[in-house]
Amino acid sequence: MNKPFSGETSAKLGTKKKPAVVHVQTEERLKEVSAIFEENGWNFTIKLEADKPENITDLEILQNPPKTVTVEKTVGRNEPCPCGSGKKYKKCCG
């Protein structure tokens, strides 16, 4: 079932509205990870849980944001063929 449109925009990760949430196992790792967040000015919440596996997915997303994918322009049917024959693409290589 789809949720109804609320009109609210989603907050960016690492801001006050949507802080990054990280789980670590040791006090040493907690200091290390919090230093990275503070150095970059990101808002965060760190939970120290020795019995659970470490989860730093939000930190990895902030450090390596997804790259924008650009698609090459395709040749139109009625444009000159890129092979250089001088014919229209549809009559030559298309």
N, C-alpha and C. Protein backbone atom coordinates (compact mmCIF):
# COMPACT_ATOMS: atom_id res chain seq x y z
N MET A 1 0.84 -1.18 0.00
CA MET A 1 0.00 0.00 0.00
C MET A 1 0.89 1.24 0.00
N ASN A 2 0.61 2.19 -0.88
CA ASN A 2 1.39 3.41 -0.97
C ASN A 2 0.96 4.40 0.10
N LYS A 3 1.93 5.14 0.61
CA LYS A 3 1.63 6.20 1.57
C LYS A 3 1.11 7.42 0.82
N PRO A 4 0.19 8.16 1.40
CA PRO A 4 -0.27 9.38 0.74
C PRO A 4 0.83 10.44 0.74
N PHE A 5 0.80 11.30 -0.25
CA PHE A 5 1.80 12.35 -0.37
C PHE A 5 1.66 13.34 0.77
N SER A 6 2.74 13.56 1.50
CA SER A 6 2.67 14.46 2.66
C SER A 6 3.11 15.88 2.32
N GLY A 7 3.82 16.07 1.21
CA GLY A 7 4.27 17.41 0.84
C GLY A 7 5.60 17.79 1.46
N GLU A 8 6.12 16.95 2.36
CA GLU A 8 7.40 17.24 3.01
C GLU A 8 8.54 16.68 2.17
N THR A 9 9.64 17.43 2.12
CA THR A 9 10.81 16.94 1.42
C THR A 9 11.65 16.11 2.39
N SER A 10 12.37 15.13 1.87
CA SER A 10 13.20 14.32 2.73
C SER A 10 14.45 15.11 3.10
N ALA A 11 14.87 14.97 4.35
CA ALA A 11 16.03 15.70 4.84
C ALA A 11 17.31 15.02 4.37
N LYS A 12 18.35 15.81 4.20
CA LYS A 12 19.64 15.30 3.79
C LYS A 12 20.32 14.61 4.97
N LEU A 13 20.97 13.49 4.71
CA LEU A 13 21.66 12.73 5.74
C LEU A 13 22.78 13.56 6.35
N GLY A 14 22.88 13.54 7.67
CA GLY A 14 23.93 14.28 8.38
C GLY A 14 23.50 15.67 8.82
N THR A 15 22.19 16.00 8.69
CA THR A 15 21.68 17.29 9.13
C THR A 15 20.93 17.12 10.45
N LYS A 16 20.47 18.23 11.01
CA LYS A 16 19.74 18.16 12.28
C LYS A 16 18.45 17.35 12.15
N LYS A 17 17.78 17.48 11.01
CA LYS A 17 16.52 16.75 10.81
C LYS A 17 16.75 15.26 10.61
N LYS A 18 17.89 14.89 10.04
CA LYS A 18 18.18 13.48 9.77
C LYS A 18 19.65 13.19 10.09
N PRO A 19 19.97 13.06 11.39
CA PRO A 19 21.37 12.77 11.74
C PRO A 19 21.76 11.35 11.34
N ALA A 20 23.03 11.16 11.07
CA ALA A 20 23.55 9.83 10.74
C ALA A 20 23.55 8.99 12.01
N VAL A 21 23.14 7.72 11.90
CA VAL A 21 23.09 6.82 13.05
C VAL A 21 24.13 5.73 12.83
N VAL A 22 25.02 5.56 13.84
CA VAL A 22 26.13 4.62 13.74
C VAL A 22 26.18 3.77 15.00
N HIS A 23 26.48 2.47 14.85
CA HIS A 23 26.65 1.56 15.98
C HIS A 23 28.10 1.08 15.99
N VAL A 24 28.78 1.22 17.13
CA VAL A 24 30.16 0.74 17.27
C VAL A 24 30.26 -0.18 18.48
N GLN A 25 31.38 -0.93 18.55
CA GLN A 25 31.56 -1.92 19.60
C GLN A 25 32.49 -1.49 20.72
N THR A 26 33.43 -0.57 20.44
CA THR A 26 34.41 -0.18 21.47
C THR A 26 34.43 1.32 21.68
N GLU A 27 34.92 1.72 22.85
CA GLU A 27 35.05 3.13 23.19
C GLU A 27 36.06 3.82 22.26
N GLU A 28 37.12 3.12 21.93
CA GLU A 28 38.15 3.66 21.04
C GLU A 28 37.57 3.97 19.66
N ARG A 29 36.79 3.04 19.15
CA ARG A 29 36.15 3.23 17.84
C ARG A 29 35.14 4.37 17.89
N LEU A 30 34.45 4.51 19.02
CA LEU A 30 33.49 5.60 19.19
C LEU A 30 34.18 6.95 19.05
N LYS A 31 35.35 7.09 19.68
CA LYS A 31 36.10 8.36 19.59
C LYS A 31 36.57 8.61 18.16
N GLU A 32 37.03 7.55 17.50
CA GLU A 32 37.53 7.67 16.14
C GLU A 32 36.43 8.11 15.17
N VAL A 33 35.27 7.46 15.27
CA VAL A 33 34.15 7.77 14.37
C VAL A 33 33.58 9.15 14.67
N SER A 34 33.44 9.51 15.94
CA SER A 34 32.89 10.82 16.28
C SER A 34 33.82 11.94 15.81
N ALA A 35 35.13 11.70 15.82
CA ALA A 35 36.07 12.71 15.32
C ALA A 35 35.86 12.96 13.83
N ILE A 36 35.58 11.91 13.08
CA ILE A 36 35.33 12.05 11.63
C ILE A 36 34.07 12.89 11.40
N PHE A 37 33.01 12.60 12.16
CA PHE A 37 31.76 13.36 12.01
C PHE A 37 31.97 14.83 12.37
N GLU A 38 32.64 15.10 13.48
CA GLU A 38 32.84 16.48 13.93
C GLU A 38 33.73 17.25 12.97
N GLU A 39 34.74 16.59 12.40
CA GLU A 39 35.64 17.23 11.45
C GLU A 39 34.90 17.73 10.22
N ASN A 40 33.89 16.97 9.80
CA ASN A 40 33.13 17.32 8.60
C ASN A 40 31.86 18.13 8.89
N GLY A 41 31.54 18.32 10.18
CA GLY A 41 30.37 19.11 10.55
C GLY A 41 29.04 18.40 10.35
N TRP A 42 29.06 17.07 10.37
CA TRP A 42 27.82 16.30 10.20
C TRP A 42 27.20 16.03 11.55
N ASN A 43 25.87 16.06 11.62
CA ASN A 43 25.15 15.67 12.84
C ASN A 43 25.06 14.15 12.88
N PHE A 44 25.19 13.59 14.09
CA PHE A 44 25.24 12.14 14.19
C PHE A 44 24.75 11.66 15.54
N THR A 45 24.44 10.37 15.61
CA THR A 45 24.11 9.67 16.84
C THR A 45 24.92 8.39 16.83
N ILE A 46 25.71 8.19 17.89
CA ILE A 46 26.52 6.98 17.99
C ILE A 46 26.03 6.16 19.17
N LYS A 47 25.84 4.87 18.92
CA LYS A 47 25.44 3.96 19.99
C LYS A 47 26.58 2.97 20.22
N LEU A 48 26.97 2.83 21.48
CA LEU A 48 28.03 1.89 21.86
C LEU A 48 27.38 0.60 22.31
N GLU A 49 27.49 -0.43 21.48
CA GLU A 49 26.88 -1.74 21.77
C GLU A 49 27.92 -2.81 21.49
N ALA A 50 28.54 -3.32 22.55
CA ALA A 50 29.61 -4.30 22.41
C ALA A 50 29.12 -5.65 21.91
N ASP A 51 27.86 -5.97 22.15
CA ASP A 51 27.33 -7.29 21.78
C ASP A 51 26.74 -7.34 20.37
N LYS A 52 26.68 -6.21 19.67
CA LYS A 52 26.12 -6.18 18.32
C LYS A 52 27.21 -5.82 17.31
N PRO A 53 27.06 -6.24 16.06
CA PRO A 53 28.08 -5.92 15.05
C PRO A 53 28.10 -4.43 14.73
N GLU A 54 29.28 -3.96 14.32
CA GLU A 54 29.44 -2.55 13.97
C GLU A 54 28.65 -2.22 12.71
N ASN A 55 28.00 -1.06 12.71
CA ASN A 55 27.22 -0.60 11.56
C ASN A 55 27.56 0.86 11.32
N ILE A 56 28.39 1.12 10.30
CA ILE A 56 28.77 2.50 9.97
C ILE A 56 28.33 2.86 8.55
N THR A 57 27.21 2.30 8.13
CA THR A 57 26.72 2.52 6.77
C THR A 57 26.47 4.00 6.48
N ASP A 58 25.85 4.72 7.42
CA ASP A 58 25.57 6.15 7.19
C ASP A 58 26.86 6.94 7.01
N LEU A 59 27.90 6.61 7.78
CA LEU A 59 29.19 7.29 7.64
C LEU A 59 29.78 7.04 6.26
N GLU A 60 29.71 5.79 5.79
CA GLU A 60 30.25 5.46 4.47
C GLU A 60 29.49 6.20 3.36
N ILE A 61 28.18 6.35 3.52
CA ILE A 61 27.38 7.08 2.53
C ILE A 61 27.79 8.55 2.49
N LEU A 62 28.02 9.14 3.67
CA LEU A 62 28.42 10.55 3.72
C LEU A 62 29.82 10.76 3.14
N GLN A 63 30.72 9.82 3.38
CA GLN A 63 32.09 9.96 2.88
C GLN A 63 32.18 9.70 1.39
N ASN A 64 31.34 8.82 0.86
CA ASN A 64 31.37 8.46 -0.56
C ASN A 64 29.98 8.64 -1.16
N PRO A 65 29.56 9.88 -1.42
CA PRO A 65 28.22 10.08 -1.96
C PRO A 65 28.09 9.45 -3.34
N PRO A 66 26.89 8.97 -3.69
CA PRO A 66 26.71 8.34 -5.01
C PRO A 66 26.98 9.33 -6.13
N LYS A 67 27.64 8.86 -7.17
CA LYS A 67 27.97 9.70 -8.32
C LYS A 67 26.77 9.80 -9.25
N THR A 68 26.61 10.94 -9.89
CA THR A 68 25.55 11.14 -10.86
C THR A 68 25.94 10.43 -12.16
N VAL A 69 25.03 9.64 -12.68
CA VAL A 69 25.29 8.90 -13.91
C VAL A 69 24.78 9.72 -15.08
N THR A 70 25.65 9.95 -16.06
CA THR A 70 25.24 10.68 -17.26
C THR A 70 25.17 9.70 -18.42
N VAL A 71 24.13 9.82 -19.21
CA VAL A 71 23.92 8.93 -20.34
C VAL A 71 24.36 9.66 -21.61
N GLU A 72 25.10 8.94 -22.45
CA GLU A 72 25.54 9.55 -23.71
C GLU A 72 24.33 9.80 -24.61
N LYS A 73 24.42 10.87 -25.38
CA LYS A 73 23.34 11.20 -26.29
C LYS A 73 23.31 10.18 -27.43
N THR A 74 22.13 9.66 -27.72
CA THR A 74 22.00 8.70 -28.82
C THR A 74 21.74 9.44 -30.13
N VAL A 75 22.08 8.79 -31.20
CA VAL A 75 21.89 9.38 -32.52
C VAL A 75 20.43 9.24 -32.92
N GLY A 76 19.82 10.33 -33.38
CA GLY A 76 18.45 10.28 -33.86
C GLY A 76 18.36 9.64 -35.24
N ARG A 77 17.20 9.11 -35.59
CA ARG A 77 17.02 8.44 -36.88
C ARG A 77 17.36 9.32 -38.08
N ASN A 78 17.00 10.60 -37.99
CA ASN A 78 17.17 11.48 -39.15
C ASN A 78 18.42 12.35 -39.08
N GLU A 79 19.29 12.09 -38.13
CA GLU A 79 20.55 12.83 -38.03
C GLU A 79 21.61 12.16 -38.90
N PRO A 80 22.65 12.90 -39.28
CA PRO A 80 23.73 12.29 -40.07
C PRO A 80 24.38 11.14 -39.29
N CYS A 81 24.77 10.10 -39.99
CA CYS A 81 25.36 8.92 -39.36
C CYS A 81 26.74 9.27 -38.78
N PRO A 82 27.05 8.80 -37.57
CA PRO A 82 28.34 9.12 -36.95
C PRO A 82 29.53 8.42 -37.64
N CYS A 83 29.26 7.48 -38.55
CA CYS A 83 30.36 6.79 -39.23
C CYS A 83 31.02 7.69 -40.28
N GLY A 84 30.34 8.79 -40.65
CA GLY A 84 30.92 9.74 -41.59
C GLY A 84 30.54 9.52 -43.04
N SER A 85 29.56 8.66 -43.29
CA SER A 85 29.17 8.38 -44.68
C SER A 85 28.40 9.52 -45.32
N GLY A 86 27.80 10.39 -44.50
CA GLY A 86 27.00 11.48 -45.04
C GLY A 86 25.54 11.12 -45.18
N LYS A 87 25.19 9.86 -45.02
CA LYS A 87 23.80 9.43 -45.10
C LYS A 87 23.13 9.63 -43.76
N LYS A 88 21.78 9.58 -43.78
CA LYS A 88 21.05 9.61 -42.53
C LYS A 88 21.31 8.31 -41.79
N TYR A 89 21.26 8.36 -40.47
CA TYR A 89 21.53 7.19 -39.63
C TYR A 89 20.61 6.02 -39.98
N LYS A 90 19.32 6.32 -40.25
CA LYS A 90 18.35 5.25 -40.52
C LYS A 90 18.65 4.51 -41.83
N LYS A 91 19.32 5.18 -42.77
CA LYS A 91 19.63 4.58 -44.06
C LYS A 91 21.03 3.93 -44.08
N CYS A 92 21.83 4.21 -43.06
CA CYS A 92 23.22 3.73 -43.06
C CYS A 92 23.42 2.64 -42.00
N CYS A 93 23.69 3.03 -40.79
CA CYS A 93 24.01 2.08 -39.73
C CYS A 93 22.84 1.74 -38.82
N GLY A 94 21.70 2.39 -38.99
CA GLY A 94 20.55 2.19 -38.10
C GLY A 94 19.62 1.25 -38.66
